[in-house]
């Protein structure tokens, strides 16, 4: 698991052609694969953030190449990433509590 060192963002083009600006929340490793967690402000509920998960594909032969994002189509794979993200949030909360003491 790695956490972005600086605030990063990415633009995602949806199926209908709409481009959505998302913040990169973190990158997680699940079962040997990397996944990116994106946050997008929910337009229907201002102040709330929608979380989206994508498989992150990097070119091992070209470290300067832009990584590709793939939609997670398997429910099982999506649930594993969602569970790992929940664990990540728990770790953040624990670290915050430990820092307060």
PDB file of N, CA and C in Angstrom:
ATOM      1  N   UNK A   1       0.849  -1.177   0.000  1.00  0.00           N
ATOM      2  CA  UNK A   1       0.000   0.000   0.000  1.00  0.00           C
ATOM      3  C   UNK A   1       0.890   1.233   0.000  1.00  0.00           C
ATOM      4  N   UNK A   2       0.517   2.186  -0.795  1.00  0.00           N
ATOM      5  CA  UNK A   2       1.246   3.432  -0.775  1.00  0.00           C
ATOM      6  C   UNK A   2       0.244   4.570  -0.728  1.00  0.00           C
ATOM      7  N   UNK A   3       0.651   5.623  -0.105  1.00  0.00           N
ATOM      8  CA  UNK A   3      -0.197   6.804  -0.003  1.00  0.00           C
ATOM      9  C   UNK A   3       0.456   7.913  -0.817  1.00  0.00           C
ATOM     10  N   UNK A   4      -0.349   8.619  -1.617  1.00  0.00           N
ATOM     11  CA  UNK A   4       0.262   9.698  -2.396  1.00  0.00           C
ATOM     12  C   UNK A   4       0.951  10.706  -1.485  1.00  0.00           C
ATOM     13  N   UNK A   5       2.168  11.133  -1.877  1.00  0.00           N
ATOM     14  CA  UNK A   5       2.936  12.068  -1.066  1.00  0.00           C
ATOM     15  C   UNK A   5       2.405  13.487  -1.197  1.00  0.00           C
ATOM     16  N   UNK A   6       1.866  13.812  -2.317  1.00  0.00           N
ATOM     17  CA  UNK A   6       1.305  15.129  -2.530  1.00  0.00           C
ATOM     18  C   UNK A   6      -0.099  14.934  -3.084  1.00  0.00           C
ATOM     19  N   UNK A   7      -0.897  15.981  -2.986  1.00  0.00           N
ATOM     20  CA  UNK A   7      -2.254  15.858  -3.482  1.00  0.00           C
ATOM     21  C   UNK A   7      -2.226  15.703  -4.993  1.00  0.00           C
ATOM     22  N   UNK A   8      -2.784  14.611  -5.462  1.00  0.00           N
ATOM     23  CA  UNK A   8      -2.787  14.310  -6.891  1.00  0.00           C
ATOM     24  C   UNK A   8      -4.228  14.219  -7.363  1.00  0.00           C
ATOM     25  N   UNK A   9      -4.416  14.435  -8.656  1.00  0.00           N
ATOM     26  CA  UNK A   9      -5.752  14.328  -9.220  1.00  0.00           C
ATOM     27  C   UNK A   9      -5.666  13.721 -10.615  1.00  0.00           C
ATOM     28  N   UNK A  10      -6.819  13.283 -11.093  1.00  0.00           N
ATOM     29  CA  UNK A  10      -6.901  12.670 -12.405  1.00  0.00           C
ATOM     30  C   UNK A  10      -8.274  12.995 -12.985  1.00  0.00           C
ATOM     31  N   UNK A  11      -8.333  13.137 -14.295  1.00  0.00           N
ATOM     32  CA  UNK A  11      -9.612  13.329 -14.975  1.00  0.00           C
ATOM     33  C   UNK A  11     -10.026  12.004 -15.594  1.00  0.00           C
ATOM     34  N   UNK A  12     -11.273  11.618 -15.340  1.00  0.00           N
ATOM     35  CA  UNK A  12     -11.813  10.361 -15.843  1.00  0.00           C
ATOM     36  C   UNK A  12     -12.907  10.682 -16.857  1.00  0.00           C
ATOM     37  N   UNK A  13     -12.855  10.036 -18.018  1.00  0.00           N
ATOM     38  CA  UNK A  13     -13.926  10.195 -18.997  1.00  0.00           C
ATOM     39  C   UNK A  13     -14.912   9.048 -18.819  1.00  0.00           C
ATOM     40  N   UNK A  14     -16.159   9.387 -18.522  1.00  0.00           N
ATOM     41  CA  UNK A  14     -17.203   8.394 -18.317  1.00  0.00           C
ATOM     42  C   UNK A  14     -17.748   7.902 -19.659  1.00  0.00           C
ATOM     43  N   UNK A  15     -18.550   6.839 -19.605  1.00  0.00           N
ATOM     44  CA  UNK A  15     -19.100   6.248 -20.828  1.00  0.00           C
ATOM     45  C   UNK A  15     -19.888   7.236 -21.664  1.00  0.00           C
ATOM     46  N   UNK A  16     -20.523   8.214 -21.014  1.00  0.00           N
ATOM     47  CA  UNK A  16     -21.334   9.187 -21.759  1.00  0.00           C
ATOM     48  C   UNK A  16     -20.518  10.366 -22.295  1.00  0.00           C
ATOM     49  N   UNK A  17     -19.185  10.311 -22.112  1.00  0.00           N
ATOM     50  CA  UNK A  17     -18.308  11.365 -22.609  1.00  0.00           C
ATOM     51  C   UNK A  17     -18.031  12.473 -21.601  1.00  0.00           C
ATOM     52  N   UNK A  18     -18.724  12.453 -20.471  1.00  0.00           N
ATOM     53  CA  UNK A  18     -18.505  13.442 -19.419  1.00  0.00           C
ATOM     54  C   UNK A  18     -17.128  13.236 -18.797  1.00  0.00           C
ATOM     55  N   UNK A  19     -16.412  14.323 -18.585  1.00  0.00           N
ATOM     56  CA  UNK A  19     -15.107  14.251 -17.922  1.00  0.00           C
ATOM     57  C   UNK A  19     -15.293  14.688 -16.474  1.00  0.00           C
ATOM     58  N   UNK A  20     -14.815  13.846 -15.554  1.00  0.00           N
ATOM     59  CA  UNK A  20     -14.986  14.091 -14.124  1.00  0.00           C
ATOM     60  C   UNK A  20     -13.605  14.241 -13.488  1.00  0.00           C
ATOM     61  N   UNK A  21     -13.427  15.302 -12.727  1.00  0.00           N
ATOM     62  CA  UNK A  21     -12.172  15.552 -12.022  1.00  0.00           C
ATOM     63  C   UNK A  21     -12.220  14.823 -10.676  1.00  0.00           C
ATOM     64  N   UNK A  22     -11.231  13.972 -10.398  1.00  0.00           N
ATOM     65  CA  UNK A  22     -11.191  13.166  -9.175  1.00  0.00           C
ATOM     66  C   UNK A  22      -9.864  13.378  -8.446  1.00  0.00           C
ATOM     67  N   UNK A  23      -9.921  13.294  -7.128  1.00  0.00           N
ATOM     68  CA  UNK A  23      -8.694  13.318  -6.335  1.00  0.00           C
ATOM     69  C   UNK A  23      -8.227  11.882  -6.131  1.00  0.00           C
ATOM     70  N   UNK A  24      -6.924  11.692  -6.119  1.00  0.00           N
ATOM     71  CA  UNK A  24      -6.354  10.377  -5.841  1.00  0.00           C
ATOM     72  C   UNK A  24      -6.266  10.254  -4.323  1.00  0.00           C
ATOM     73  N   UNK A  25      -7.064   9.338  -3.783  1.00  0.00           N
ATOM     74  CA  UNK A  25      -7.091   9.150  -2.336  1.00  0.00           C
ATOM     75  C   UNK A  25      -5.932   8.282  -1.873  1.00  0.00           C
ATOM     76  N   UNK A  26      -5.697   7.188  -2.574  1.00  0.00           N
ATOM     77  CA  UNK A  26      -4.591   6.293  -2.255  1.00  0.00           C
ATOM     78  C   UNK A  26      -4.460   5.247  -3.347  1.00  0.00           C
ATOM     79  N   UNK A  27      -3.398   4.472  -3.273  1.00  0.00           N
ATOM     80  CA  UNK A  27      -3.195   3.305  -4.125  1.00  0.00           C
ATOM     81  C   UNK A  27      -3.040   2.126  -3.179  1.00  0.00           C
ATOM     82  N   UNK A  28      -3.792   1.064  -3.445  1.00  0.00           N
ATOM     83  CA  UNK A  28      -3.780  -0.123  -2.597  1.00  0.00           C
ATOM     84  C   UNK A  28      -3.325  -1.335  -3.394  1.00  0.00           C
ATOM     85  N   UNK A  29      -2.705  -2.278  -2.698  1.00  0.00           N
ATOM     86  CA  UNK A  29      -2.375  -3.547  -3.325  1.00  0.00           C
ATOM     87  C   UNK A  29      -3.311  -4.601  -2.759  1.00  0.00           C
ATOM     88  N   UNK A  30      -3.936  -5.354  -3.655  1.00  0.00           N
ATOM     89  CA  UNK A  30      -4.844  -6.427  -3.262  1.00  0.00           C
ATOM     90  C   UNK A  30      -4.528  -7.628  -4.136  1.00  0.00           C
ATOM     91  N   UNK A  31      -4.182  -8.733  -3.504  1.00  0.00           N
ATOM     92  CA  UNK A  31      -3.877  -9.973  -4.224  1.00  0.00           C
ATOM     93  C   UNK A  31      -2.845  -9.764  -5.328  1.00  0.00           C
ATOM     94  N   UNK A  32      -1.830  -8.964  -5.028  1.00  0.00           N
ATOM     95  CA  UNK A  32      -0.726  -8.765  -5.960  1.00  0.00           C
ATOM     96  C   UNK A  32      -0.993  -7.773  -7.076  1.00  0.00           C
ATOM     97  N   UNK A  33      -2.160  -7.132  -7.069  1.00  0.00           N
ATOM     98  CA  UNK A  33      -2.481  -6.139  -8.094  1.00  0.00           C
ATOM     99  C   UNK A  33      -2.654  -4.781  -7.432  1.00  0.00           C
ATOM    100  N   UNK A  34      -2.381  -3.715  -8.201  1.00  0.00           N
ATOM    101  CA  UNK A  34      -2.537  -2.353  -7.690  1.00  0.00           C
ATOM    102  C   UNK A  34      -3.882  -1.783  -8.109  1.00  0.00           C
ATOM    103  N   UNK A  35      -4.476  -1.047  -7.174  1.00  0.00           N
ATOM    104  CA  UNK A  35      -5.762  -0.399  -7.410  1.00  0.00           C
ATOM    105  C   UNK A  35      -5.663   1.044  -6.951  1.00  0.00           C
ATOM    106  N   UNK A  36      -6.307   1.930  -7.695  1.00  0.00           N
ATOM    107  CA  UNK A  36      -6.311   3.334  -7.331  1.00  0.00           C
ATOM    108  C   UNK A  36      -7.691   3.667  -6.764  1.00  0.00           C
ATOM    109  N   UNK A  37      -7.690   4.470  -5.712  1.00  0.00           N
ATOM    110  CA  UNK A  37      -8.930   4.908  -5.078  1.00  0.00           C
ATOM    111  C   UNK A  37      -9.097   6.390  -5.398  1.00  0.00           C
ATOM    112  N   UNK A  38     -10.193   6.708  -6.078  1.00  0.00           N
ATOM    113  CA  UNK A  38     -10.450   8.078  -6.489  1.00  0.00           C
ATOM    114  C   UNK A  38     -11.639   8.638  -5.724  1.00  0.00           C
ATOM    115  N   UNK A  39     -11.544   9.903  -5.382  1.00  0.00           N
ATOM    116  CA  UNK A  39     -12.647  10.591  -4.726  1.00  0.00           C
ATOM    117  C   UNK A  39     -13.213  11.640  -5.662  1.00  0.00           C
ATOM    118  N   UNK A  40     -14.532  11.712  -5.691  1.00  0.00           N
ATOM    119  CA  UNK A  40     -15.222  12.684  -6.543  1.00  0.00           C
ATOM    120  C   UNK A  40     -16.342  13.311  -5.732  1.00  0.00           C
ATOM    121  N   UNK A  41     -16.381  14.642  -5.703  1.00  0.00           N
ATOM    122  CA  UNK A  41     -17.436  15.306  -4.947  1.00  0.00           C
ATOM    123  C   UNK A  41     -18.783  14.985  -5.573  1.00  0.00           C
ATOM    124  N   UNK A  42     -19.675  14.477  -4.747  1.00  0.00           N
ATOM    125  CA  UNK A  42     -21.019  14.104  -5.181  1.00  0.00           C
ATOM    126  C   UNK A  42     -21.824  15.367  -5.462  1.00  0.00           C
ATOM    127  N   UNK A  43     -22.187  15.579  -6.724  1.00  0.00           N
ATOM    128  CA  UNK A  43     -22.902  16.792  -7.110  1.00  0.00           C
ATOM    129  C   UNK A  43     -24.306  16.849  -6.518  1.00  0.00           C
ATOM    130  N   UNK A  44     -24.905  15.697  -6.249  1.00  0.00           N
ATOM    131  CA  UNK A  44     -26.246  15.649  -5.672  1.00  0.00           C
ATOM    132  C   UNK A  44     -26.231  15.956  -4.183  1.00  0.00           C
ATOM    133  N   UNK A  45     -25.081  15.711  -3.541  1.00  0.00           N
ATOM    134  CA  UNK A  45     -24.923  15.924  -2.103  1.00  0.00           C
ATOM    135  C   UNK A  45     -23.620  16.680  -1.843  1.00  0.00           C
ATOM    136  N   UNK A  46     -23.649  18.011  -2.006  1.00  0.00           N
ATOM    137  CA  UNK A  46     -22.422  18.801  -1.815  1.00  0.00           C
ATOM    138  C   UNK A  46     -21.781  18.514  -0.446  1.00  0.00           C
ATOM    139  N   UNK A  47     -20.464  18.420  -0.457  1.00  0.00           N
ATOM    140  CA  UNK A  47     -19.731  18.134   0.767  1.00  0.00           C
ATOM    141  C   UNK A  47     -19.486  16.651   0.981  1.00  0.00           C
ATOM    142  N   UNK A  48     -20.147  15.798   0.192  1.00  0.00           N
ATOM    143  CA  UNK A  48     -19.934  14.355   0.287  1.00  0.00           C
ATOM    144  C   UNK A  48     -19.083  13.901  -0.898  1.00  0.00           C
ATOM    145  N   UNK A  49     -18.272  12.893  -0.649  1.00  0.00           N
ATOM    146  CA  UNK A  49     -17.370  12.400  -1.679  1.00  0.00           C
ATOM    147  C   UNK A  49     -17.747  10.984  -2.075  1.00  0.00           C
ATOM    148  N   UNK A  50     -17.888  10.766  -3.377  1.00  0.00           N
ATOM    149  CA  UNK A  50     -18.075   9.418  -3.903  1.00  0.00           C
ATOM    150  C   UNK A  50     -16.689   8.798  -4.041  1.00  0.00           C
ATOM    151  N   UNK A  51     -16.573   7.521  -3.757  1.00  0.00           N
ATOM    152  CA  UNK A  51     -15.309   6.805  -3.898  1.00  0.00           C
ATOM    153  C   UNK A  51     -15.441   5.811  -5.035  1.00  0.00           C
ATOM    154  N   UNK A  52     -14.461   5.840  -5.934  1.00  0.00           N
ATOM    155  CA  UNK A  52     -14.423   4.932  -7.073  1.00  0.00           C
ATOM    156  C   UNK A  52     -13.120   4.148  -7.030  1.00  0.00           C
ATOM    157  N   UNK A  53     -13.194   2.874  -7.382  1.00  0.00           N
ATOM    158  CA  UNK A  53     -12.023   2.002  -7.439  1.00  0.00           C
ATOM    159  C   UNK A  53     -11.755   1.611  -8.897  1.00  0.00           C
ATOM    160  N   UNK A  54     -10.476   1.651  -9.271  1.00  0.00           N
ATOM    161  CA  UNK A  54     -10.053   1.200 -10.595  1.00  0.00           C
ATOM    162  C   UNK A  54      -8.787   0.366 -10.442  1.00  0.00           C
ATOM    163  N   UNK A  55      -8.623  -0.605 -11.333  1.00  0.00           N
ATOM    164  CA  UNK A  55      -7.377  -1.364 -11.394  1.00  0.00           C
ATOM    165  C   UNK A  55      -6.353  -0.449 -12.047  1.00  0.00           C
ATOM    166  N   UNK A  56      -5.162  -0.396 -11.483  1.00  0.00           N
ATOM    167  CA  UNK A  56      -4.093   0.472 -11.964  1.00  0.00           C
ATOM    168  C   UNK A  56      -3.074  -0.386 -12.709  1.00  0.00           C
ATOM    169  N   UNK A  57      -2.894  -0.088 -13.978  1.00  0.00           N
ATOM    170  CA  UNK A  57      -1.973  -0.851 -14.824  1.00  0.00           C
ATOM    171  C   UNK A  57      -0.817   0.065 -15.217  1.00  0.00           C
ATOM    172  N   UNK A  58       0.387  -0.322 -14.781  1.00  0.00           N
ATOM    173  CA  UNK A  58       1.581   0.451 -15.128  1.00  0.00           C
ATOM    174  C   UNK A  58       2.440  -0.363 -16.078  1.00  0.00           C
ATOM    175  N   UNK A  59       3.145   0.312 -16.951  1.00  0.00           N
ATOM    176  CA  UNK A  59       4.034  -0.334 -17.909  1.00  0.00           C
ATOM    177  C   UNK A  59       5.371  -0.604 -17.228  1.00  0.00           C
ATOM    178  N   UNK A  60       5.691  -1.868 -16.948  1.00  0.00           N
ATOM    179  CA  UNK A  60       6.939  -2.179 -16.238  1.00  0.00           C
ATOM    180  C   UNK A  60       8.196  -1.833 -17.038  1.00  0.00           C
ATOM    181  N   UNK A  61       8.047  -1.683 -18.343  1.00  0.00           N
ATOM    182  CA  UNK A  61       9.199  -1.385 -19.184  1.00  0.00           C
ATOM    183  C   UNK A  61       9.416   0.112 -19.381  1.00  0.00           C
ATOM    184  N   UNK A  62       8.424   0.922 -19.005  1.00  0.00           N
ATOM    185  CA  UNK A  62       8.541   2.370 -19.181  1.00  0.00           C
ATOM    186  C   UNK A  62       7.959   3.070 -17.959  1.00  0.00           C
ATOM    187  N   UNK A  63       8.831   3.389 -17.010  1.00  0.00           N
ATOM    188  CA  UNK A  63       8.364   3.997 -15.759  1.00  0.00           C
ATOM    189  C   UNK A  63       7.817   5.410 -15.958  1.00  0.00           C
ATOM    190  N   UNK A  64       8.071   6.019 -17.109  1.00  0.00           N
ATOM    191  CA  UNK A  64       7.560   7.360 -17.390  1.00  0.00           C
ATOM    192  C   UNK A  64       6.204   7.344 -18.105  1.00  0.00           C
ATOM    193  N   UNK A  65       5.753   6.160 -18.496  1.00  0.00           N
ATOM    194  CA  UNK A  65       4.470   6.051 -19.194  1.00  0.00           C
ATOM    195  C   UNK A  65       3.322   6.311 -18.216  1.00  0.00           C
ATOM    196  N   UNK A  66       2.274   6.935 -18.729  1.00  0.00           N
ATOM    197  CA  UNK A  66       1.083   7.180 -17.918  1.00  0.00           C
ATOM    198  C   UNK A  66       0.434   5.838 -17.581  1.00  0.00           C
ATOM    199  N   UNK A  67       0.087   5.617 -16.310  1.00  0.00           N
ATOM    200  CA  UNK A  67      -0.611   4.376 -15.969  1.00  0.00           C
ATOM    201  C   UNK A  67      -2.020   4.371 -16.567  1.00  0.00           C
ATOM    202  N   UNK A  68      -2.515   3.182 -16.830  1.00  0.00           N
ATOM    203  CA  UNK A  68      -3.867   3.031 -17.349  1.00  0.00           C
ATOM    204  C   UNK A  68      -4.789   2.638 -16.209  1.00  0.00           C
ATOM    205  N   UNK A  69      -6.050   3.064 -16.296  1.00  0.00           N
ATOM    206  CA  UNK A  69      -7.058   2.691 -15.319  1.00  0.00           C
ATOM    207  C   UNK A  69      -8.050   1.759 -15.991  1.00  0.00           C
ATOM    208  N   UNK A  70      -8.322   0.630 -15.342  1.00  0.00           N
ATOM    209  CA  UNK A  70      -9.278  -0.330 -15.881  1.00  0.00           C
ATOM    210  C   UNK A  70     -10.445  -0.461 -14.922  1.00  0.00           C
ATOM    211  N   UNK A  71     -11.629  -0.570 -15.479  1.00  0.00           N
ATOM    212  CA  UNK A  71     -12.826  -0.787 -14.675  1.00  0.00           C
ATOM    213  C   UNK A  71     -12.766  -2.187 -14.075  1.00  0.00           C
ATOM    214  N   UNK A  72     -13.150  -2.308 -12.825  1.00  0.00           N
ATOM    215  CA  UNK A  72     -13.217  -3.605 -12.149  1.00  0.00           C
ATOM    216  C   UNK A  72     -14.586  -4.188 -12.449  1.00  0.00           C
ATOM    217  N   UNK A  73     -14.626  -5.263 -13.202  1.00  0.00           N
ATOM    218  CA  UNK A  73     -15.904  -5.833 -13.624  1.00  0.00           C
ATOM    219  C   UNK A  73     -16.372  -6.973 -12.731  1.00  0.00           C
ATOM    220  N   UNK A  74     -15.470  -7.630 -12.042  1.00  0.00           N
ATOM    221  CA  UNK A  74     -15.823  -8.755 -11.176  1.00  0.00           C
ATOM    222  C   UNK A  74     -16.300  -8.253  -9.819  1.00  0.00           C
ATOM    223  N   UNK A  75     -17.474  -8.707  -9.392  1.00  0.00           N
ATOM    224  CA  UNK A  75     -17.987  -8.335  -8.072  1.00  0.00           C
ATOM    225  C   UNK A  75     -17.036  -8.782  -6.969  1.00  0.00           C
ATOM    226  N   UNK A  76     -16.473  -9.971  -7.123  1.00  0.00           N
ATOM    227  CA  UNK A  76     -15.561 -10.515  -6.122  1.00  0.00           C
ATOM    228  C   UNK A  76     -14.308  -9.639  -5.983  1.00  0.00           C
ATOM    229  N   UNK A  77     -13.752  -9.238  -7.112  1.00  0.00           N
ATOM    230  CA  UNK A  77     -12.563  -8.389  -7.110  1.00  0.00           C
ATOM    231  C   UNK A  77     -12.893  -7.018  -6.506  1.00  0.00           C
ATOM    232  N   UNK A  78     -14.037  -6.451  -6.896  1.00  0.00           N
ATOM    233  CA  UNK A  78     -14.448  -5.147  -6.374  1.00  0.00           C
ATOM    234  C   UNK A  78     -14.624  -5.207  -4.857  1.00  0.00           C
ATOM    235  N   UNK A  79     -15.266  -6.256  -4.370  1.00  0.00           N
ATOM    236  CA  UNK A  79     -15.489  -6.397  -2.935  1.00  0.00           C
ATOM    237  C   UNK A  79     -14.173  -6.546  -2.172  1.00  0.00           C
ATOM    238  N   UNK A  80     -13.191  -7.227  -2.764  1.00  0.00           N
ATOM    239  CA  UNK A  80     -11.886  -7.373  -2.117  1.00  0.00           C
ATOM    240  C   UNK A  80     -11.199  -6.014  -2.002  1.00  0.00           C
ATOM    241  N   UNK A  81     -11.304  -5.195  -3.038  1.00  0.00           N
ATOM    242  CA  UNK A  81     -10.702  -3.856  -3.011  1.00  0.00           C
ATOM    243  C   UNK A  81     -11.446  -2.978  -2.003  1.00  0.00           C
ATOM    244  N   UNK A  82     -12.755  -3.068  -1.999  1.00  0.00           N
ATOM    245  CA  UNK A  82     -13.562  -2.292  -1.059  1.00  0.00           C
ATOM    246  C   UNK A  82     -13.214  -2.662   0.390  1.00  0.00           C
ATOM    247  N   UNK A  83     -13.044  -3.943   0.643  1.00  0.00           N
ATOM    248  CA  UNK A  83     -12.671  -4.403   1.983  1.00  0.00           C
ATOM    249  C   UNK A  83     -11.292  -3.884   2.380  1.00  0.00           C
ATOM    250  N   UNK A  84     -10.355  -3.908   1.446  1.00  0.00           N
ATOM    251  CA  UNK A  84      -9.006  -3.403   1.730  1.00  0.00           C
ATOM    252  C   UNK A  84      -9.036  -1.902   1.985  1.00  0.00           C
ATOM    253  N   UNK A  85      -9.883  -1.171   1.268  1.00  0.00           N
ATOM    254  CA  UNK A  85     -10.019   0.266   1.494  1.00  0.00           C
ATOM    255  C   UNK A  85     -10.597   0.533   2.884  1.00  0.00           C
ATOM    256  N   UNK A  86     -11.560  -0.261   3.309  1.00  0.00           N
ATOM    257  CA  UNK A  86     -12.107  -0.120   4.660  1.00  0.00           C
ATOM    258  C   UNK A  86     -11.008  -0.337   5.713  1.00  0.00           C
ATOM    259  N   UNK A  87     -10.153  -1.340   5.489  1.00  0.00           N
ATOM    260  CA  UNK A  87      -9.022  -1.579   6.390  1.00  0.00           C
ATOM    261  C   UNK A  87      -8.083  -0.372   6.406  1.00  0.00           C
ATOM    262  N   UNK A  88      -7.833   0.188   5.238  1.00  0.00           N
ATOM    263  CA  UNK A  88      -6.980   1.374   5.109  1.00  0.00           C
ATOM    264  C   UNK A  88      -7.554   2.531   5.930  1.00  0.00           C
ATOM    265  N   UNK A  89      -8.864   2.749   5.824  1.00  0.00           N
ATOM    266  CA  UNK A  89      -9.507   3.815   6.600  1.00  0.00           C
ATOM    267  C   UNK A  89      -9.379   3.557   8.094  1.00  0.00           C
ATOM    268  N   UNK A  90      -9.525   2.297   8.507  1.00  0.00           N
ATOM    269  CA  UNK A  90      -9.348   1.947   9.919  1.00  0.00           C
ATOM    270  C   UNK A  90      -7.925   2.244  10.377  1.00  0.00           C
ATOM    271  N   UNK A  91      -6.945   1.935   9.525  1.00  0.00           N
ATOM    272  CA  UNK A  91      -5.542   2.214   9.855  1.00  0.00           C
ATOM    273  C   UNK A  91      -5.322   3.717  10.027  1.00  0.00           C
ATOM    274  N   UNK A  92      -5.914   4.513   9.136  1.00  0.00           N
ATOM    275  CA  UNK A  92      -5.790   5.968   9.252  1.00  0.00           C
ATOM    276  C   UNK A  92      -6.392   6.465  10.553  1.00  0.00           C
ATOM    277  N   UNK A  93      -7.551   5.956  10.913  1.00  0.00           N
ATOM    278  CA  UNK A  93      -8.211   6.368  12.149  1.00  0.00           C
ATOM    279  C   UNK A  93      -7.367   5.973  13.354  1.00  0.00           C
ATOM    280  N   UNK A  94      -6.787   4.768  13.331  1.00  0.00           N
ATOM    281  CA  UNK A  94      -5.937   4.310  14.431  1.00  0.00           C
ATOM    282  C   UNK A  94      -4.701   5.200  14.543  1.00  0.00           C
ATOM    283  N   UNK A  95      -4.063   5.478  13.400  1.00  0.00           N
ATOM    284  CA  UNK A  95      -2.876   6.341  13.423  1.00  0.00           C
ATOM    285  C   UNK A  95      -3.204   7.718  13.957  1.00  0.00           C
ATOM    286  N   UNK A  96      -4.371   8.245  13.601  1.00  0.00           N
ATOM    287  CA  UNK A  96      -4.787   9.565  14.086  1.00  0.00           C
ATOM    288  C   UNK A  96      -4.994   9.544  15.600  1.00  0.00           C
ATOM    289  N   UNK A  97      -5.598   8.468  16.118  1.00  0.00           N
ATOM    290  CA  UNK A  97      -5.782   8.342  17.563  1.00  0.00           C
ATOM    291  C   UNK A  97      -4.451   8.228  18.281  1.00  0.00           C
ATOM    292  N   UNK A  98      -3.528   7.457  17.695  1.00  0.00           N
ATOM    293  CA  UNK A  98      -2.212   7.292  18.313  1.00  0.00           C
ATOM    294  C   UNK A  98      -1.432   8.597  18.313  1.00  0.00           C
ATOM    295  N   UNK A  99      -1.586   9.400  17.280  1.00  0.00           N
ATOM    296  CA  UNK A  99      -0.899  10.687  17.208  1.00  0.00           C
ATOM    297  C   UNK A  99      -1.452  11.674  18.224  1.00  0.00           C
ATOM    298  N   UNK A 100      -2.723  11.545  18.572  1.00  0.00           N
ATOM    299  CA  UNK A 100      -3.364  12.453  19.529  1.00  0.00           C
ATOM    300  C   UNK A 100      -2.926  12.199  20.961  1.00  0.00           C
ATOM    301  N   UNK A 101      -2.358  11.033  21.221  1.00  0.00           N
ATOM    302  CA  UNK A 101      -2.001  10.700  22.609  1.00  0.00           C
ATOM    303  C   UNK A 101      -0.605  11.117  22.957  1.00  0.00           C
TER     304      UNK A 101
END
